[in-house]
Amino acid sequence: MSSASSPSRADASTDLEVRTPARVHRRRAVVLLALAVFQFWLWGTRIYNLLGDSTVEYTLAFVLVHLVLYAAAIGAGVVLTVLGLRMWREARAAGVGS
């Protein structure tokens, strides 16, 4: 078979289009937003507890390392929020609820 008569793999893969139903987008958005809220609550609570605990003397290095880790986790919550809101808007644009 000649290569001119059959499409190449690159051409075949660009023709594929996967459509996700808008209701699935809405459900996924709700899951992402719920996870984001949980992230903010969990790590916000941990920061509050770490900084507010006067019964234990933590070293400055311990506090700084944990605050950096908590900030990274909150950053993940921000990413989840952005993705969830984008999916929510896509579902709304497709006409699923309001």
N, C-alpha and C. Protein backbone atom coordinates (compact mmCIF):
# COMPACT_ATOMS: atom_id res chain seq x y z
N MET A 1 0.83 -1.18 0.00
CA MET A 1 0.00 0.00 0.00
C MET A 1 0.88 1.24 0.00
N SER A 2 0.51 2.21 -0.76
CA SER A 2 1.31 3.44 -0.80
C SER A 2 0.88 4.37 0.32
N SER A 3 1.79 5.22 0.72
CA SER A 3 1.48 6.14 1.80
C SER A 3 0.55 7.26 1.34
N ALA A 4 0.44 7.46 0.04
CA ALA A 4 -0.44 8.51 -0.47
C ALA A 4 -1.90 8.13 -0.34
N SER A 5 -2.22 6.84 -0.34
CA SER A 5 -3.61 6.43 -0.30
C SER A 5 -4.13 6.25 1.13
N SER A 6 -3.25 6.12 2.12
CA SER A 6 -3.71 5.94 3.49
C SER A 6 -3.25 7.13 4.33
N PRO A 7 -4.12 7.61 5.22
CA PRO A 7 -3.74 8.76 6.04
C PRO A 7 -2.67 8.36 7.05
N SER A 8 -1.81 9.29 7.36
CA SER A 8 -0.78 9.02 8.36
C SER A 8 -1.40 9.06 9.75
N ARG A 9 -0.66 8.57 10.72
CA ARG A 9 -1.17 8.57 12.09
C ARG A 9 -1.42 9.99 12.59
N ALA A 10 -0.58 10.90 12.23
CA ALA A 10 -0.76 12.29 12.67
C ALA A 10 -2.05 12.88 12.12
N ASP A 11 -2.36 12.58 10.85
CA ASP A 11 -3.59 13.09 10.26
C ASP A 11 -4.80 12.47 10.92
N ALA A 12 -4.74 11.18 11.22
CA ALA A 12 -5.88 10.49 11.84
C ALA A 12 -6.14 11.01 13.24
N SER A 13 -5.10 11.32 14.00
CA SER A 13 -5.30 11.77 15.37
C SER A 13 -5.87 13.18 15.43
N THR A 14 -5.64 14.00 14.44
CA THR A 14 -6.18 15.35 14.47
C THR A 14 -7.66 15.37 14.13
N ASP A 15 -8.17 14.31 13.53
CA ASP A 15 -9.59 14.25 13.20
C ASP A 15 -10.44 13.80 14.37
N LEU A 16 -9.84 13.24 15.40
CA LEU A 16 -10.58 12.76 16.55
C LEU A 16 -11.06 13.93 17.39
N GLU A 17 -12.30 13.86 17.79
CA GLU A 17 -12.85 14.88 18.68
C GLU A 17 -13.71 14.18 19.70
N VAL A 18 -13.40 14.38 20.96
CA VAL A 18 -14.16 13.77 22.03
C VAL A 18 -15.07 14.84 22.61
N ARG A 19 -16.33 14.56 22.62
CA ARG A 19 -17.29 15.51 23.17
C ARG A 19 -17.76 15.01 24.53
N THR A 20 -17.67 15.86 25.52
CA THR A 20 -18.14 15.53 26.85
C THR A 20 -19.49 16.20 27.05
N PRO A 21 -20.50 15.43 27.48
CA PRO A 21 -21.81 16.04 27.72
C PRO A 21 -21.71 17.17 28.75
N ALA A 22 -22.53 18.18 28.57
CA ALA A 22 -22.48 19.35 29.45
C ALA A 22 -22.80 18.98 30.90
N ARG A 23 -23.69 18.01 31.10
CA ARG A 23 -24.02 17.60 32.47
C ARG A 23 -22.81 17.00 33.17
N VAL A 24 -22.00 16.28 32.42
CA VAL A 24 -20.77 15.72 33.00
C VAL A 24 -19.82 16.85 33.37
N HIS A 25 -19.75 17.88 32.52
CA HIS A 25 -18.92 19.05 32.84
C HIS A 25 -19.39 19.67 34.15
N ARG A 26 -20.70 19.81 34.33
CA ARG A 26 -21.22 20.43 35.54
C ARG A 26 -20.86 19.59 36.77
N ARG A 27 -21.02 18.27 36.67
CA ARG A 27 -20.68 17.41 37.81
C ARG A 27 -19.20 17.48 38.15
N ARG A 28 -18.37 17.46 37.13
CA ARG A 28 -16.93 17.55 37.36
C ARG A 28 -16.56 18.90 37.96
N ALA A 29 -17.22 19.94 37.52
CA ALA A 29 -16.96 21.27 38.08
C ALA A 29 -17.31 21.31 39.56
N VAL A 30 -18.43 20.70 39.92
CA VAL A 30 -18.84 20.68 41.33
C VAL A 30 -17.81 19.92 42.17
N VAL A 31 -17.32 18.80 41.65
CA VAL A 31 -16.30 18.03 42.38
C VAL A 31 -15.03 18.86 42.56
N LEU A 32 -14.58 19.52 41.50
CA LEU A 32 -13.37 20.34 41.60
C LEU A 32 -13.55 21.49 42.59
N LEU A 33 -14.70 22.15 42.54
CA LEU A 33 -14.95 23.27 43.45
C LEU A 33 -15.07 22.79 44.89
N ALA A 34 -15.68 21.63 45.10
CA ALA A 34 -15.77 21.07 46.45
C ALA A 34 -14.38 20.73 46.99
N LEU A 35 -13.54 20.16 46.14
CA LEU A 35 -12.17 19.87 46.56
C LEU A 35 -11.40 21.15 46.88
N ALA A 36 -11.64 22.19 46.11
CA ALA A 36 -10.97 23.47 46.36
C ALA A 36 -11.39 24.04 47.71
N VAL A 37 -12.69 24.01 48.00
CA VAL A 37 -13.17 24.51 49.29
C VAL A 37 -12.56 23.70 50.43
N PHE A 38 -12.50 22.38 50.25
CA PHE A 38 -11.88 21.53 51.26
C PHE A 38 -10.41 21.89 51.46
N GLN A 39 -9.69 22.12 50.37
CA GLN A 39 -8.28 22.51 50.46
C GLN A 39 -8.12 23.79 51.27
N PHE A 40 -8.94 24.79 50.95
CA PHE A 40 -8.83 26.07 51.66
C PHE A 40 -9.15 25.91 53.14
N TRP A 41 -10.19 25.14 53.44
CA TRP A 41 -10.56 24.93 54.83
C TRP A 41 -9.47 24.17 55.58
N LEU A 42 -9.01 23.06 55.00
CA LEU A 42 -8.03 22.21 55.66
C LEU A 42 -6.73 22.95 55.94
N TRP A 43 -6.16 23.56 54.92
CA TRP A 43 -4.85 24.18 55.10
C TRP A 43 -4.95 25.50 55.83
N GLY A 44 -6.07 26.21 55.68
CA GLY A 44 -6.28 27.41 56.48
C GLY A 44 -6.36 27.08 57.96
N THR A 45 -7.06 25.99 58.27
CA THR A 45 -7.16 25.54 59.66
C THR A 45 -5.79 25.14 60.21
N ARG A 46 -5.01 24.47 59.40
CA ARG A 46 -3.67 24.05 59.84
C ARG A 46 -2.77 25.26 60.09
N ILE A 47 -2.86 26.26 59.23
CA ILE A 47 -2.06 27.48 59.44
C ILE A 47 -2.49 28.16 60.74
N TYR A 48 -3.79 28.26 60.93
CA TYR A 48 -4.32 28.88 62.16
C TYR A 48 -3.82 28.12 63.39
N ASN A 49 -3.88 26.79 63.34
CA ASN A 49 -3.43 25.97 64.47
C ASN A 49 -1.93 26.08 64.69
N LEU A 50 -1.16 26.11 63.62
CA LEU A 50 0.30 26.20 63.74
C LEU A 50 0.71 27.53 64.37
N LEU A 51 0.12 28.61 63.88
CA LEU A 51 0.51 29.92 64.38
C LEU A 51 -0.12 30.25 65.73
N GLY A 52 -1.24 29.62 66.03
CA GLY A 52 -1.94 29.93 67.27
C GLY A 52 -1.61 29.03 68.44
N ASP A 53 -0.78 28.01 68.23
CA ASP A 53 -0.45 27.06 69.29
C ASP A 53 0.65 27.64 70.18
N SER A 54 0.27 28.09 71.35
CA SER A 54 1.24 28.69 72.27
C SER A 54 1.80 27.66 73.26
N THR A 55 1.29 26.43 73.23
CA THR A 55 1.76 25.42 74.18
C THR A 55 3.05 24.76 73.72
N VAL A 56 3.38 24.86 72.43
CA VAL A 56 4.58 24.22 71.90
C VAL A 56 5.47 25.29 71.29
N GLU A 57 6.76 25.20 71.57
CA GLU A 57 7.72 26.14 71.00
C GLU A 57 8.32 25.52 69.74
N TYR A 58 7.84 25.94 68.58
CA TYR A 58 8.37 25.45 67.31
C TYR A 58 9.56 26.31 66.90
N THR A 59 10.53 25.69 66.24
CA THR A 59 11.65 26.46 65.71
C THR A 59 11.16 27.26 64.51
N LEU A 60 11.88 28.31 64.21
CA LEU A 60 11.52 29.15 63.06
C LEU A 60 11.58 28.34 61.77
N ALA A 61 12.57 27.47 61.65
CA ALA A 61 12.71 26.65 60.44
C ALA A 61 11.49 25.74 60.27
N PHE A 62 11.03 25.14 61.36
CA PHE A 62 9.86 24.26 61.31
C PHE A 62 8.64 25.03 60.81
N VAL A 63 8.43 26.20 61.37
CA VAL A 63 7.27 27.01 60.99
C VAL A 63 7.36 27.43 59.53
N LEU A 64 8.54 27.89 59.10
CA LEU A 64 8.70 28.34 57.72
C LEU A 64 8.50 27.20 56.72
N VAL A 65 9.07 26.05 57.01
CA VAL A 65 8.91 24.91 56.10
C VAL A 65 7.44 24.53 55.99
N HIS A 66 6.74 24.49 57.10
CA HIS A 66 5.33 24.11 57.05
C HIS A 66 4.48 25.18 56.38
N LEU A 67 4.81 26.44 56.58
CA LEU A 67 4.06 27.49 55.89
C LEU A 67 4.27 27.41 54.37
N VAL A 68 5.47 27.07 53.94
CA VAL A 68 5.72 26.91 52.50
C VAL A 68 4.91 25.74 51.96
N LEU A 69 4.89 24.63 52.69
CA LEU A 69 4.09 23.48 52.26
C LEU A 69 2.60 23.82 52.22
N TYR A 70 2.13 24.53 53.22
CA TYR A 70 0.72 24.92 53.25
C TYR A 70 0.39 25.86 52.11
N ALA A 71 1.30 26.78 51.81
CA ALA A 71 1.08 27.71 50.70
C ALA A 71 1.00 26.95 49.37
N ALA A 72 1.83 25.93 49.21
CA ALA A 72 1.77 25.12 47.99
C ALA A 72 0.44 24.39 47.89
N ALA A 73 -0.05 23.88 49.00
CA ALA A 73 -1.33 23.19 49.00
C ALA A 73 -2.47 24.16 48.70
N ILE A 74 -2.38 25.36 49.22
CA ILE A 74 -3.40 26.38 48.92
C ILE A 74 -3.32 26.77 47.45
N GLY A 75 -2.11 26.81 46.91
CA GLY A 75 -1.95 27.04 45.46
C GLY A 75 -2.66 25.98 44.64
N ALA A 76 -2.59 24.73 45.09
CA ALA A 76 -3.32 23.66 44.41
C ALA A 76 -4.82 23.92 44.50
N GLY A 77 -5.27 24.46 45.62
CA GLY A 77 -6.68 24.82 45.75
C GLY A 77 -7.09 25.92 44.79
N VAL A 78 -6.20 26.86 44.55
CA VAL A 78 -6.47 27.93 43.58
C VAL A 78 -6.60 27.33 42.18
N VAL A 79 -5.70 26.40 41.85
CA VAL A 79 -5.78 25.74 40.54
C VAL A 79 -7.09 24.99 40.40
N LEU A 80 -7.50 24.26 41.44
CA LEU A 80 -8.77 23.54 41.40
C LEU A 80 -9.94 24.51 41.22
N THR A 81 -9.87 25.66 41.88
CA THR A 81 -10.93 26.66 41.74
C THR A 81 -11.02 27.17 40.31
N VAL A 82 -9.88 27.50 39.73
CA VAL A 82 -9.87 28.01 38.35
C VAL A 82 -10.43 26.97 37.39
N LEU A 83 -9.96 25.73 37.51
CA LEU A 83 -10.45 24.67 36.63
C LEU A 83 -11.95 24.43 36.82
N GLY A 84 -12.39 24.41 38.08
CA GLY A 84 -13.80 24.20 38.36
C GLY A 84 -14.68 25.31 37.80
N LEU A 85 -14.24 26.55 37.95
CA LEU A 85 -15.02 27.67 37.41
C LEU A 85 -15.07 27.64 35.89
N ARG A 86 -13.97 27.27 35.27
CA ARG A 86 -13.96 27.18 33.80
C ARG A 86 -14.93 26.10 33.32
N MET A 87 -14.91 24.96 34.00
CA MET A 87 -15.83 23.88 33.61
C MET A 87 -17.28 24.30 33.85
N TRP A 88 -17.52 25.00 34.94
CA TRP A 88 -18.86 25.49 35.26
C TRP A 88 -19.36 26.42 34.15
N ARG A 89 -18.49 27.34 33.73
CA ARG A 89 -18.87 28.27 32.66
C ARG A 89 -19.11 27.55 31.34
N GLU A 90 -18.30 26.54 31.05
CA GLU A 90 -18.50 25.77 29.82
C GLU A 90 -19.84 25.05 29.85
N ALA A 91 -20.20 24.50 31.00
CA ALA A 91 -21.49 23.82 31.12
C ALA A 91 -22.63 24.82 30.97
N ARG A 92 -22.46 26.01 31.55
CA ARG A 92 -23.50 27.03 31.44
C ARG A 92 -23.65 27.48 29.99
N ALA A 93 -22.53 27.65 29.30
CA ALA A 93 -22.57 28.06 27.89
C ALA A 93 -23.24 27.00 27.03
N ALA A 94 -23.12 25.74 27.45
CA ALA A 94 -23.75 24.65 26.69
C ALA A 94 -25.23 24.52 27.04
N GLY A 95 -25.71 25.30 28.02
CA GLY A 95 -27.13 25.33 28.32
C GLY A 95 -27.59 24.39 29.42
N VAL A 96 -26.71 24.05 30.35
CA VAL A 96 -27.10 23.18 31.46
C VAL A 96 -27.31 24.03 32.70
N GLY A 97 -28.53 24.20 33.12
CA GLY A 97 -28.85 24.91 34.34
C GLY A 97 -28.26 26.31 34.40
N SER A 98 -28.33 26.90 35.59
CA SER A 98 -27.72 28.22 35.78
C SER A 98 -27.09 28.31 37.13
